[in-house]
Amino acid sequence: GMGGLDDPDMGVSEPAPDATVMDLLRLPCRVSQLRIAGLQRTKRALIEAELGKALKAGNHEELALELAVASARLLELDVFKVAEARVDAGAGPGEVIVDLQVEEKGAYALNMGTFSQGGEVSGETSWAMRNVMGNAEKVQGTFSLGHKLSNVFKIEASQPVGFGQTGRVKLSVFQSLLNLVKHSSYKERQRGFTLELSDPESPHQISYEGSWRTVLPE
């Protein structure tokens, strides 16, 4: 049957009367549940991967440290305005519940403006899509068009290599068309791409680049 309150087999780790803060932090615990509030587009698997070490923590000190690291990494994904974790007591002995409150950033952004360069006034439009698919991906682009029909188009896309990993893969594609008719009788078109694999926790970065230049007679 059920043991009484004085039964030593209950499994509850009671601190000694003269326990220090560090003694309390080192009391064993086990995360029995993760509750997430505020998710709209982001996949729950992404959150669980970032909190993986915290959910396996064996004591309160380890849990506090890993939750702080996980919250910082979630904010670094640039898809959340807020990512805050708190811990509540669970139903069983030594069990705790992790409550994560997140607030996602907007999925779309659009900016328009004008600038002058080399005597040519250009209009520029930039846009961004963030976390639309729920994988912490970002796609952003800019397009500028001058009144002499020079134009530049660039698009970038990036996302984590995998859930719970700090590495990101980024692909950039661009095209520019420069109208040089005023100085000579041709236009110049450049196209190119860049593919990068980077990780803030690694000193190495892999990058591939390619570009093509074409002269177009007027």
N, C-alpha and C. Protein backbone atom coordinates (compact mmCIF):
# COMPACT_ATOMS: atom_id res chain seq x y z
N GLY A 1 0.82 -1.19 0.00
CA GLY A 1 0.00 0.00 0.00
C GLY A 1 0.85 1.24 0.00
N MET A 2 0.22 2.41 0.15
CA MET A 2 0.91 3.68 0.14
C MET A 2 1.68 3.86 1.44
N GLY A 3 2.90 4.40 1.35
CA GLY A 3 3.70 4.64 2.54
C GLY A 3 3.23 5.89 3.25
N GLY A 4 3.52 5.96 4.52
CA GLY A 4 3.16 7.15 5.29
C GLY A 4 4.14 8.26 5.02
N LEU A 5 3.88 9.42 5.63
CA LEU A 5 4.72 10.59 5.41
C LEU A 5 6.14 10.36 5.88
N ASP A 6 6.33 9.48 6.86
CA ASP A 6 7.66 9.23 7.40
C ASP A 6 8.36 8.07 6.71
N ASP A 7 7.70 7.53 5.71
CA ASP A 7 8.25 6.38 5.01
C ASP A 7 9.47 6.84 4.19
N PRO A 8 10.67 6.30 4.43
CA PRO A 8 11.88 6.74 3.70
C PRO A 8 11.86 6.34 2.24
N ASP A 9 10.91 5.51 1.80
CA ASP A 9 10.89 5.06 0.42
C ASP A 9 10.05 5.95 -0.49
N MET A 10 9.55 7.06 0.04
CA MET A 10 8.70 7.93 -0.77
C MET A 10 9.47 8.58 -1.92
N GLY A 11 10.80 8.71 -1.79
CA GLY A 11 11.60 9.27 -2.88
C GLY A 11 11.72 10.78 -2.86
N VAL A 12 11.13 11.45 -1.88
CA VAL A 12 11.22 12.91 -1.80
C VAL A 12 12.56 13.29 -1.19
N SER A 13 13.28 14.21 -1.85
CA SER A 13 14.58 14.65 -1.35
C SER A 13 14.38 15.88 -0.47
N GLU A 14 14.32 15.68 0.81
CA GLU A 14 14.13 16.79 1.74
C GLU A 14 15.48 17.38 2.12
N PRO A 15 15.64 18.73 2.00
CA PRO A 15 16.90 19.34 2.38
C PRO A 15 17.09 19.32 3.89
N ALA A 16 18.35 19.28 4.30
CA ALA A 16 18.66 19.36 5.73
C ALA A 16 18.30 20.76 6.24
N PRO A 17 18.06 20.90 7.55
CA PRO A 17 17.69 22.21 8.10
C PRO A 17 18.74 23.30 7.84
N ASP A 18 20.02 22.93 7.75
CA ASP A 18 21.07 23.93 7.55
C ASP A 18 21.57 23.94 6.10
N ALA A 19 20.70 23.52 5.16
CA ALA A 19 21.10 23.44 3.76
C ALA A 19 21.40 24.82 3.19
N THR A 20 22.41 24.89 2.35
CA THR A 20 22.73 26.14 1.67
C THR A 20 21.97 26.22 0.35
N VAL A 21 22.05 27.36 -0.31
CA VAL A 21 21.39 27.53 -1.61
C VAL A 21 21.91 26.50 -2.61
N MET A 22 23.23 26.27 -2.59
CA MET A 22 23.80 25.31 -3.53
C MET A 22 23.29 23.90 -3.26
N ASP A 23 23.09 23.58 -1.98
CA ASP A 23 22.52 22.27 -1.65
C ASP A 23 21.12 22.13 -2.27
N LEU A 24 20.35 23.23 -2.19
CA LEU A 24 18.99 23.20 -2.74
C LEU A 24 19.02 23.05 -4.26
N LEU A 25 19.95 23.75 -4.89
CA LEU A 25 20.05 23.68 -6.34
C LEU A 25 20.43 22.29 -6.82
N ARG A 26 21.16 21.57 -5.96
CA ARG A 26 21.63 20.25 -6.38
C ARG A 26 20.66 19.13 -6.01
N LEU A 27 19.50 19.49 -5.50
CA LEU A 27 18.49 18.48 -5.26
C LEU A 27 18.08 17.87 -6.61
N PRO A 28 17.95 16.55 -6.67
CA PRO A 28 17.58 15.93 -7.94
C PRO A 28 16.17 16.31 -8.37
N CYS A 29 15.98 16.38 -9.69
CA CYS A 29 14.65 16.64 -10.23
C CYS A 29 14.53 15.97 -11.58
N ARG A 30 13.31 15.87 -12.05
CA ARG A 30 13.05 15.28 -13.37
C ARG A 30 11.91 16.05 -14.02
N VAL A 31 12.15 16.52 -15.25
CA VAL A 31 11.10 17.26 -15.96
C VAL A 31 10.06 16.27 -16.46
N SER A 32 8.84 16.41 -15.96
CA SER A 32 7.78 15.47 -16.34
C SER A 32 6.90 16.01 -17.45
N GLN A 33 6.97 17.35 -17.69
CA GLN A 33 6.09 17.93 -18.70
C GLN A 33 6.66 19.26 -19.18
N LEU A 34 6.50 19.53 -20.48
CA LEU A 34 6.86 20.81 -21.07
C LEU A 34 5.58 21.44 -21.61
N ARG A 35 5.24 22.61 -21.06
CA ARG A 35 4.06 23.33 -21.55
C ARG A 35 4.54 24.58 -22.27
N ILE A 36 4.06 24.80 -23.50
CA ILE A 36 4.49 25.93 -24.31
C ILE A 36 3.27 26.79 -24.62
N ALA A 37 3.37 28.08 -24.33
CA ALA A 37 2.30 29.03 -24.64
C ALA A 37 2.81 30.06 -25.63
N GLY A 38 1.97 30.41 -26.59
CA GLY A 38 2.33 31.46 -27.54
C GLY A 38 2.76 30.97 -28.91
N LEU A 39 2.83 29.66 -29.11
CA LEU A 39 3.24 29.14 -30.42
C LEU A 39 2.13 29.39 -31.44
N GLN A 40 2.52 29.92 -32.60
CA GLN A 40 1.56 30.12 -33.69
C GLN A 40 2.01 29.35 -34.93
N ARG A 41 3.20 29.71 -35.43
CA ARG A 41 3.69 29.03 -36.64
C ARG A 41 4.83 28.07 -36.33
N THR A 42 5.61 28.37 -35.32
CA THR A 42 6.81 27.58 -35.04
C THR A 42 6.46 26.14 -34.65
N LYS A 43 7.20 25.20 -35.20
CA LYS A 43 6.95 23.79 -34.91
C LYS A 43 7.43 23.46 -33.49
N ARG A 44 6.61 22.71 -32.79
CA ARG A 44 6.94 22.33 -31.41
C ARG A 44 8.25 21.54 -31.36
N ALA A 45 8.53 20.75 -32.41
CA ALA A 45 9.75 19.95 -32.43
C ALA A 45 11.00 20.83 -32.38
N LEU A 46 10.92 22.03 -32.97
CA LEU A 46 12.06 22.95 -32.93
C LEU A 46 12.32 23.40 -31.49
N ILE A 47 11.26 23.74 -30.77
CA ILE A 47 11.38 24.15 -29.37
C ILE A 47 11.94 23.00 -28.53
N GLU A 48 11.39 21.81 -28.71
CA GLU A 48 11.82 20.66 -27.92
C GLU A 48 13.29 20.34 -28.17
N ALA A 49 13.76 20.53 -29.41
CA ALA A 49 15.16 20.26 -29.71
C ALA A 49 16.06 21.27 -29.00
N GLU A 50 15.67 22.55 -28.99
CA GLU A 50 16.47 23.57 -28.32
C GLU A 50 16.51 23.35 -26.81
N LEU A 51 15.43 22.81 -26.25
CA LEU A 51 15.34 22.57 -24.82
C LEU A 51 15.78 21.15 -24.44
N GLY A 52 16.37 20.43 -25.40
CA GLY A 52 16.69 19.02 -25.18
C GLY A 52 17.50 18.75 -23.92
N LYS A 53 18.58 19.51 -23.72
CA LYS A 53 19.43 19.27 -22.55
C LYS A 53 18.71 19.65 -21.26
N ALA A 54 17.92 20.71 -21.31
CA ALA A 54 17.18 21.13 -20.11
C ALA A 54 16.17 20.06 -19.70
N LEU A 55 15.52 19.45 -20.68
CA LEU A 55 14.50 18.45 -20.37
C LEU A 55 15.10 17.17 -19.80
N LYS A 56 16.42 16.98 -19.98
CA LYS A 56 17.09 15.80 -19.44
C LYS A 56 17.86 16.12 -18.16
N ALA A 57 17.73 17.35 -17.65
CA ALA A 57 18.49 17.77 -16.47
C ALA A 57 18.19 16.87 -15.28
N GLY A 58 19.24 16.61 -14.46
CA GLY A 58 19.08 15.72 -13.31
C GLY A 58 18.94 16.43 -11.98
N ASN A 59 19.24 17.75 -11.94
CA ASN A 59 19.03 18.51 -10.71
C ASN A 59 18.64 19.95 -11.06
N HIS A 60 18.28 20.71 -10.03
CA HIS A 60 17.76 22.06 -10.27
C HIS A 60 18.83 23.01 -10.80
N GLU A 61 20.08 22.83 -10.40
CA GLU A 61 21.15 23.68 -10.88
C GLU A 61 21.34 23.49 -12.39
N GLU A 62 21.40 22.24 -12.81
CA GLU A 62 21.56 21.93 -14.24
C GLU A 62 20.36 22.42 -15.04
N LEU A 63 19.18 22.27 -14.48
CA LEU A 63 17.96 22.70 -15.16
C LEU A 63 17.96 24.21 -15.36
N ALA A 64 18.31 24.98 -14.32
CA ALA A 64 18.34 26.44 -14.43
C ALA A 64 19.33 26.90 -15.48
N LEU A 65 20.52 26.29 -15.48
CA LEU A 65 21.56 26.66 -16.44
C LEU A 65 21.13 26.35 -17.87
N GLU A 66 20.63 25.15 -18.10
CA GLU A 66 20.26 24.74 -19.46
C GLU A 66 19.04 25.51 -19.98
N LEU A 67 18.13 25.90 -19.08
CA LEU A 67 16.98 26.70 -19.51
C LEU A 67 17.44 28.10 -19.94
N ALA A 68 18.42 28.66 -19.23
CA ALA A 68 18.95 29.98 -19.60
C ALA A 68 19.62 29.91 -20.97
N VAL A 69 20.41 28.86 -21.20
CA VAL A 69 21.08 28.69 -22.49
C VAL A 69 20.05 28.50 -23.61
N ALA A 70 19.04 27.69 -23.36
CA ALA A 70 18.02 27.41 -24.38
C ALA A 70 17.22 28.67 -24.71
N SER A 71 16.89 29.47 -23.71
CA SER A 71 16.14 30.71 -23.96
C SER A 71 16.95 31.66 -24.82
N ALA A 72 18.26 31.76 -24.55
CA ALA A 72 19.13 32.63 -25.35
C ALA A 72 19.21 32.14 -26.79
N ARG A 73 19.30 30.82 -26.97
CA ARG A 73 19.39 30.27 -28.33
C ARG A 73 18.09 30.47 -29.09
N LEU A 74 16.96 30.38 -28.41
CA LEU A 74 15.68 30.62 -29.08
C LEU A 74 15.60 32.06 -29.58
N LEU A 75 16.08 33.01 -28.77
CA LEU A 75 16.06 34.41 -29.20
C LEU A 75 17.03 34.65 -30.36
N GLU A 76 18.16 33.92 -30.39
CA GLU A 76 19.13 34.06 -31.47
C GLU A 76 18.57 33.59 -32.81
N LEU A 77 17.52 32.78 -32.79
CA LEU A 77 16.91 32.32 -34.04
C LEU A 77 16.23 33.48 -34.78
N ASP A 78 15.99 34.59 -34.07
CA ASP A 78 15.40 35.80 -34.65
C ASP A 78 13.96 35.57 -35.12
N VAL A 79 13.25 34.67 -34.46
CA VAL A 79 11.83 34.48 -34.78
C VAL A 79 10.94 34.76 -33.57
N PHE A 80 11.56 35.02 -32.41
CA PHE A 80 10.78 35.30 -31.20
C PHE A 80 11.12 36.67 -30.64
N LYS A 81 10.10 37.40 -30.17
CA LYS A 81 10.33 38.62 -29.40
C LYS A 81 10.63 38.26 -27.95
N VAL A 82 9.96 37.21 -27.47
CA VAL A 82 10.08 36.79 -26.07
C VAL A 82 10.22 35.28 -26.01
N ALA A 83 11.10 34.79 -25.13
CA ALA A 83 11.21 33.35 -24.85
C ALA A 83 11.62 33.22 -23.39
N GLU A 84 10.66 33.00 -22.52
CA GLU A 84 10.91 32.96 -21.08
C GLU A 84 10.42 31.63 -20.50
N ALA A 85 11.25 31.04 -19.65
CA ALA A 85 10.91 29.76 -19.04
C ALA A 85 10.77 29.91 -17.54
N ARG A 86 9.83 29.18 -16.96
CA ARG A 86 9.71 29.09 -15.50
C ARG A 86 9.43 27.64 -15.14
N VAL A 87 9.68 27.31 -13.89
CA VAL A 87 9.56 25.92 -13.43
C VAL A 87 8.54 25.84 -12.30
N ASP A 88 7.62 24.89 -12.41
CA ASP A 88 6.63 24.63 -11.37
C ASP A 88 6.80 23.20 -10.86
N ALA A 89 6.29 22.95 -9.66
CA ALA A 89 6.34 21.61 -9.10
C ALA A 89 5.40 20.69 -9.86
N GLY A 90 5.87 19.46 -10.07
CA GLY A 90 5.04 18.46 -10.73
C GLY A 90 4.21 17.67 -9.73
N ALA A 91 3.51 16.66 -10.22
CA ALA A 91 2.62 15.88 -9.38
C ALA A 91 3.36 14.89 -8.49
N GLY A 92 4.44 14.31 -9.01
CA GLY A 92 5.15 13.28 -8.27
C GLY A 92 6.38 13.80 -7.55
N PRO A 93 7.00 12.98 -6.71
CA PRO A 93 8.21 13.38 -5.98
C PRO A 93 9.35 13.75 -6.92
N GLY A 94 9.93 14.92 -6.72
CA GLY A 94 11.06 15.36 -7.53
C GLY A 94 10.70 15.77 -8.94
N GLU A 95 9.42 15.71 -9.31
CA GLU A 95 9.02 16.06 -10.67
C GLU A 95 8.79 17.57 -10.79
N VAL A 96 9.16 18.13 -11.93
CA VAL A 96 8.92 19.55 -12.20
C VAL A 96 8.30 19.70 -13.59
N ILE A 97 7.59 20.80 -13.76
CA ILE A 97 6.98 21.13 -15.05
C ILE A 97 7.64 22.40 -15.56
N VAL A 98 8.08 22.39 -16.81
CA VAL A 98 8.68 23.58 -17.42
C VAL A 98 7.61 24.29 -18.24
N ASP A 99 7.38 25.55 -17.91
CA ASP A 99 6.44 26.40 -18.66
C ASP A 99 7.25 27.37 -19.51
N LEU A 100 7.09 27.32 -20.82
CA LEU A 100 7.79 28.23 -21.72
C LEU A 100 6.79 29.17 -22.36
N GLN A 101 7.02 30.47 -22.19
CA GLN A 101 6.18 31.49 -22.80
C GLN A 101 6.95 32.13 -23.95
N VAL A 102 6.39 32.08 -25.15
CA VAL A 102 7.06 32.70 -26.31
C VAL A 102 6.10 33.68 -26.97
N GLU A 103 6.68 34.66 -27.64
CA GLU A 103 5.92 35.58 -28.49
C GLU A 103 6.67 35.67 -29.81
N GLU A 104 6.01 35.26 -30.88
CA GLU A 104 6.67 35.22 -32.18
C GLU A 104 6.70 36.59 -32.84
N LYS A 105 7.77 36.85 -33.58
CA LYS A 105 7.85 38.07 -34.37
C LYS A 105 6.92 37.95 -35.57
N GLY A 106 6.61 39.09 -36.18
CA GLY A 106 5.74 39.09 -37.35
C GLY A 106 6.34 38.29 -38.50
N ALA A 107 5.47 37.72 -39.33
CA ALA A 107 5.94 36.87 -40.42
C ALA A 107 6.41 37.68 -41.63
N TYR A 108 5.88 38.89 -41.79
CA TYR A 108 6.19 39.65 -43.00
C TYR A 108 6.61 41.07 -42.65
N ALA A 109 7.51 41.62 -43.45
CA ALA A 109 7.91 43.02 -43.30
C ALA A 109 8.16 43.57 -44.70
N LEU A 110 7.79 44.85 -44.91
CA LEU A 110 7.97 45.48 -46.21
C LEU A 110 8.40 46.92 -46.00
N ASN A 111 9.48 47.33 -46.69
CA ASN A 111 9.96 48.71 -46.61
C ASN A 111 10.20 49.25 -48.01
N MET A 112 9.90 50.53 -48.20
CA MET A 112 10.11 51.18 -49.50
C MET A 112 10.80 52.52 -49.28
N GLY A 113 11.69 52.90 -50.21
CA GLY A 113 12.37 54.18 -50.08
C GLY A 113 13.09 54.54 -51.37
N THR A 114 13.75 55.71 -51.39
CA THR A 114 14.50 56.15 -52.55
C THR A 114 15.91 56.54 -52.12
N PHE A 115 16.86 56.44 -53.04
CA PHE A 115 18.21 56.89 -52.77
C PHE A 115 18.84 57.35 -54.08
N SER A 116 19.91 58.13 -53.99
CA SER A 116 20.59 58.66 -55.16
C SER A 116 22.02 58.14 -55.19
N GLN A 117 22.45 57.65 -56.35
CA GLN A 117 23.81 57.13 -56.50
C GLN A 117 24.27 57.37 -57.93
N GLY A 118 25.43 58.02 -58.06
CA GLY A 118 25.99 58.28 -59.39
C GLY A 118 25.08 59.11 -60.27
N GLY A 119 24.38 60.04 -59.68
CA GLY A 119 23.50 60.91 -60.45
C GLY A 119 22.19 60.27 -60.86
N GLU A 120 21.93 59.06 -60.39
CA GLU A 120 20.69 58.38 -60.74
C GLU A 120 19.86 58.15 -59.49
N VAL A 121 18.61 58.56 -59.54
CA VAL A 121 17.70 58.35 -58.41
C VAL A 121 17.03 56.99 -58.57
N SER A 122 17.09 56.18 -57.52
CA SER A 122 16.52 54.83 -57.57
C SER A 122 15.48 54.66 -56.47
N GLY A 123 14.51 53.84 -56.75
CA GLY A 123 13.54 53.43 -55.74
C GLY A 123 13.89 52.02 -55.29
N GLU A 124 13.80 51.76 -53.99
CA GLU A 124 14.16 50.45 -53.46
C GLU A 124 13.02 49.88 -52.63
N THR A 125 12.77 48.62 -52.84
CA THR A 125 11.77 47.89 -52.04
C THR A 125 12.47 46.70 -51.39
N SER A 126 12.30 46.56 -50.10
CA SER A 126 12.87 45.39 -49.40
C SER A 126 11.74 44.69 -48.65
N TRP A 127 11.83 43.39 -48.59
CA TRP A 127 10.80 42.61 -47.92
C TRP A 127 11.46 41.43 -47.20
N ALA A 128 10.75 40.92 -46.23
CA ALA A 128 11.27 39.77 -45.48
C ALA A 128 10.12 38.88 -45.05
N MET A 129 10.36 37.59 -45.11
CA MET A 129 9.43 36.59 -44.56
C MET A 129 10.19 35.81 -43.50
N ARG A 130 9.60 35.68 -42.32
CA ARG A 130 10.29 35.06 -41.19
C ARG A 130 9.43 33.94 -40.62
N ASN A 131 9.99 32.73 -40.57
CA ASN A 131 9.36 31.62 -39.86
C ASN A 131 7.97 31.28 -40.40
N VAL A 132 7.75 31.50 -41.69
CA VAL A 132 6.43 31.23 -42.27
C VAL A 132 6.12 29.74 -42.23
N MET A 133 7.16 28.90 -42.44
CA MET A 133 6.97 27.45 -42.44
C MET A 133 7.15 26.84 -41.05
N GLY A 134 7.55 27.67 -40.08
CA GLY A 134 7.71 27.17 -38.72
C GLY A 134 9.03 26.51 -38.42
N ASN A 135 10.02 26.65 -39.34
CA ASN A 135 11.33 26.02 -39.16
C ASN A 135 12.42 27.03 -38.81
N ALA A 136 12.04 28.22 -38.36
CA ALA A 136 12.98 29.31 -38.06
C ALA A 136 13.73 29.76 -39.30
N GLU A 137 13.08 29.63 -40.48
CA GLU A 137 13.73 30.06 -41.72
C GLU A 137 13.47 31.54 -41.96
N LYS A 138 14.36 32.16 -42.71
CA LYS A 138 14.20 33.57 -43.08
C LYS A 138 14.45 33.71 -44.57
N VAL A 139 13.58 34.46 -45.23
CA VAL A 139 13.77 34.79 -46.64
C VAL A 139 13.62 36.30 -46.76
N GLN A 140 14.61 36.95 -47.37
CA GLN A 140 14.51 38.40 -47.52
C GLN A 140 15.05 38.80 -48.88
N GLY A 141 14.53 39.89 -49.40
CA GLY A 141 14.95 40.31 -50.72
C GLY A 141 14.90 41.82 -50.85
N THR A 142 15.67 42.35 -51.80
CA THR A 142 15.63 43.78 -52.12
C THR A 142 15.59 43.93 -53.64
N PHE A 143 14.88 44.94 -54.07
CA PHE A 143 14.81 45.25 -55.50
C PHE A 143 14.88 46.76 -55.65
N SER A 144 15.80 47.23 -56.45
CA SER A 144 15.90 48.66 -56.70
C SER A 144 15.85 48.91 -58.21
N LEU A 145 15.17 49.99 -58.59
CA LEU A 145 15.01 50.34 -59.99
C LEU A 145 15.28 51.82 -60.16
N GLY A 146 16.25 52.15 -61.03
CA GLY A 146 16.58 53.55 -61.29
C GLY A 146 15.80 54.10 -62.46
N HIS A 147 15.69 55.42 -62.56
CA HIS A 147 14.92 56.01 -63.65
C HIS A 147 15.60 55.82 -65.01
N LYS A 148 16.88 55.40 -65.00
CA LYS A 148 17.57 55.08 -66.26
C LYS A 148 17.55 53.57 -66.51
N LEU A 149 16.68 52.88 -65.77
CA LEU A 149 16.45 51.44 -65.94
C LEU A 149 17.59 50.55 -65.46
N SER A 150 18.50 51.10 -64.66
CA SER A 150 19.41 50.21 -63.93
C SER A 150 18.59 49.54 -62.83
N ASN A 151 18.90 48.29 -62.54
CA ASN A 151 18.16 47.64 -61.46
C ASN A 151 19.04 46.60 -60.77
N VAL A 152 18.73 46.35 -59.53
CA VAL A 152 19.44 45.35 -58.73
C VAL A 152 18.40 44.52 -57.99
N PHE A 153 18.56 43.22 -58.04
CA PHE A 153 17.66 42.32 -57.33
C PHE A 153 18.49 41.34 -56.51
N LYS A 154 18.16 41.16 -55.28
CA LYS A 154 18.89 40.22 -54.42
C LYS A 154 17.90 39.51 -53.50
N ILE A 155 18.11 38.23 -53.33
CA ILE A 155 17.27 37.45 -52.42
C ILE A 155 18.16 36.54 -51.58
N GLU A 156 17.86 36.44 -50.29
CA GLU A 156 18.61 35.60 -49.36
C GLU A 156 17.65 34.68 -48.62
N ALA A 157 18.06 33.47 -48.40
CA ALA A 157 17.26 32.52 -47.62
C ALA A 157 18.19 31.79 -46.66
N SER A 158 17.76 31.62 -45.41
CA SER A 158 18.59 30.90 -44.44
C SER A 158 17.70 30.16 -43.46
N GLN A 159 18.24 29.10 -42.89
CA GLN A 159 17.55 28.39 -41.82
C GLN A 159 18.55 27.50 -41.10
N PRO A 160 18.20 27.07 -39.87
CA PRO A 160 19.11 26.17 -39.13
C PRO A 160 19.36 24.89 -39.91
N VAL A 161 20.58 24.35 -39.74
CA VAL A 161 20.92 23.09 -40.39
C VAL A 161 19.98 21.99 -39.92
N GLY A 162 19.65 22.01 -38.64
CA GLY A 162 18.72 21.03 -38.07
C GLY A 162 18.18 21.55 -36.76
N PHE A 163 17.07 21.03 -36.31
CA PHE A 163 16.49 21.45 -35.05
C PHE A 163 17.49 21.20 -33.93
N GLY A 164 17.68 22.20 -33.07
CA GLY A 164 18.58 22.05 -31.94
C GLY A 164 20.04 22.26 -32.27
N GLN A 165 20.35 22.63 -33.52
CA GLN A 165 21.74 22.86 -33.93
C GLN A 165 21.97 24.35 -34.16
N THR A 166 23.20 24.82 -33.86
CA THR A 166 23.51 26.24 -33.98
C THR A 166 23.93 26.61 -35.40
N GLY A 167 24.27 25.64 -36.23
CA GLY A 167 24.69 25.93 -37.60
C GLY A 167 23.52 26.40 -38.45
N ARG A 168 23.83 27.29 -39.42
CA ARG A 168 22.82 27.78 -40.35
C ARG A 168 23.36 27.65 -41.77
N VAL A 169 22.45 27.42 -42.69
CA VAL A 169 22.80 27.42 -44.10
C VAL A 169 22.11 28.62 -44.74
N LYS A 170 22.86 29.36 -45.59
CA LYS A 170 22.31 30.57 -46.20
C LYS A 170 22.62 30.56 -47.70
N LEU A 171 21.62 30.87 -48.50
CA LEU A 171 21.77 30.96 -49.94
C LEU A 171 21.39 32.37 -50.38
N SER A 172 22.29 33.04 -51.12
CA SER A 172 22.02 34.37 -51.66
C SER A 172 22.11 34.31 -53.18
N VAL A 173 21.18 34.97 -53.85
CA VAL A 173 21.17 35.07 -55.30
C VAL A 173 20.98 36.53 -55.67
N PHE A 174 21.75 37.02 -56.64
CA PHE A 174 21.58 38.42 -57.02
C PHE A 174 21.71 38.59 -58.53
N GLN A 175 21.11 39.66 -59.01
CA GLN A 175 21.28 40.08 -60.40
C GLN A 175 21.30 41.60 -60.42
N SER A 176 22.21 42.17 -61.18
CA SER A 176 22.24 43.63 -61.35
C SER A 176 22.35 43.95 -62.83
N LEU A 177 21.66 44.99 -63.22
CA LEU A 177 21.72 45.47 -64.60
C LEU A 177 22.09 46.94 -64.55
N LEU A 178 23.28 47.29 -65.01
CA LEU A 178 23.76 48.67 -64.98
C LEU A 178 23.64 49.28 -66.37
N ASN A 179 22.94 50.38 -66.45
CA ASN A 179 22.77 51.08 -67.71
C ASN A 179 23.92 52.07 -67.89
N LEU A 180 24.84 51.75 -68.79
CA LEU A 180 26.03 52.58 -69.00
C LEU A 180 25.97 53.31 -70.34
N VAL A 181 24.77 53.42 -70.90
CA VAL A 181 24.61 54.00 -72.23
C VAL A 181 25.09 55.46 -72.26
N LYS A 182 24.94 56.15 -71.15
CA LYS A 182 25.35 57.57 -71.11
C LYS A 182 26.86 57.69 -71.36
N HIS A 183 27.64 56.71 -70.85
CA HIS A 183 29.10 56.77 -70.98
C HIS A 183 29.60 55.90 -72.14
N SER A 184 28.86 54.90 -72.49
CA SER A 184 29.25 54.00 -73.58
C SER A 184 27.97 53.40 -74.14
N SER A 185 28.08 52.50 -75.07
CA SER A 185 26.89 52.02 -75.77
C SER A 185 26.47 50.62 -75.32
N TYR A 186 26.55 50.36 -74.04
CA TYR A 186 26.14 49.02 -73.60
C TYR A 186 25.58 49.05 -72.18
N LYS A 187 24.95 47.95 -71.85
CA LYS A 187 24.51 47.68 -70.48
C LYS A 187 25.31 46.49 -69.96
N GLU A 188 25.50 46.46 -68.65
CA GLU A 188 26.26 45.36 -68.05
C GLU A 188 25.35 44.62 -67.07
N ARG A 189 25.27 43.32 -67.25
CA ARG A 189 24.44 42.51 -66.35
C ARG A 189 25.36 41.57 -65.56
N GLN A 190 25.15 41.51 -64.27
CA GLN A 190 25.89 40.57 -63.41
C GLN A 190 24.89 39.68 -62.67
N ARG A 191 25.22 38.41 -62.63
CA ARG A 191 24.41 37.46 -61.87
C ARG A 191 25.35 36.65 -60.99
N GLY A 192 24.88 36.24 -59.84
CA GLY A 192 25.74 35.43 -58.98
C GLY A 192 24.98 34.79 -57.84
N PHE A 193 25.69 33.95 -57.10
CA PHE A 193 25.10 33.29 -55.93
C PHE A 193 26.19 33.07 -54.90
N THR A 194 25.75 32.93 -53.65
CA THR A 194 26.63 32.56 -52.54
C THR A 194 25.91 31.53 -51.68
N LEU A 195 26.60 30.46 -51.35
CA LEU A 195 26.06 29.44 -50.45
C LEU A 195 27.00 29.33 -49.25
N GLU A 196 26.48 29.56 -48.05
CA GLU A 196 27.31 29.55 -46.86
C GLU A 196 26.77 28.55 -45.85
N LEU A 197 27.71 27.90 -45.16
CA LEU A 197 27.38 27.03 -44.03
C LEU A 197 28.22 27.52 -42.86
N SER A 198 27.56 28.06 -41.83
CA SER A 198 28.30 28.66 -40.72
C SER A 198 27.73 28.17 -39.40
N ASP A 199 28.57 28.24 -38.36
CA ASP A 199 28.17 27.82 -37.02
C ASP A 199 28.91 28.70 -36.03
N PRO A 200 28.18 29.49 -35.20
CA PRO A 200 28.85 30.37 -34.24
C PRO A 200 29.70 29.63 -33.21
N GLU A 201 29.45 28.33 -33.05
CA GLU A 201 30.22 27.55 -32.08
C GLU A 201 31.43 26.86 -32.73
N SER A 202 31.65 27.13 -34.02
CA SER A 202 32.77 26.53 -34.73
C SER A 202 33.58 27.62 -35.41
N PRO A 203 34.93 27.48 -35.43
CA PRO A 203 35.75 28.50 -36.11
C PRO A 203 35.73 28.37 -37.62
N HIS A 204 35.12 27.32 -38.14
CA HIS A 204 35.15 27.06 -39.58
C HIS A 204 33.85 27.53 -40.25
N GLN A 205 33.98 28.01 -41.46
CA GLN A 205 32.83 28.39 -42.26
C GLN A 205 33.08 27.95 -43.69
N ILE A 206 32.08 27.33 -44.30
CA ILE A 206 32.19 26.85 -45.67
C ILE A 206 31.39 27.80 -46.56
N SER A 207 31.98 28.24 -47.67
CA SER A 207 31.31 29.17 -48.55
C SER A 207 31.63 28.84 -50.01
N TYR A 208 30.60 28.87 -50.86
CA TYR A 208 30.76 28.71 -52.31
C TYR A 208 30.20 29.96 -52.98
N GLU A 209 30.91 30.47 -53.96
CA GLU A 209 30.45 31.67 -54.65
C GLU A 209 30.61 31.48 -56.15
N GLY A 210 29.73 32.11 -56.90
CA GLY A 210 29.84 32.11 -58.35
C GLY A 210 29.21 33.36 -58.91
N SER A 211 29.78 33.93 -59.97
CA SER A 211 29.18 35.11 -60.59
C SER A 211 29.49 35.11 -62.08
N TRP A 212 28.58 35.75 -62.83
CA TRP A 212 28.71 35.84 -64.28
C TRP A 212 28.45 37.28 -64.71
N ARG A 213 29.27 37.78 -65.62
CA ARG A 213 29.12 39.15 -66.12
C ARG A 213 28.85 39.09 -67.62
N THR A 214 27.83 39.79 -68.04
CA THR A 214 27.44 39.78 -69.45
C THR A 214 27.32 41.22 -69.94
N VAL A 215 27.92 41.52 -71.07
CA VAL A 215 27.80 42.84 -71.69
C VAL A 215 26.69 42.79 -72.75
N LEU A 216 25.72 43.68 -72.60
CA LEU A 216 24.57 43.70 -73.50
C LEU A 216 24.64 44.96 -74.36
N PRO A 217 24.76 44.82 -75.68
CA PRO A 217 24.79 46.03 -76.53
C PRO A 217 23.46 46.76 -76.50
N GLU A 218 23.51 48.04 -76.60
CA GLU A 218 22.29 48.86 -76.57
C GLU A 218 21.63 48.84 -77.95
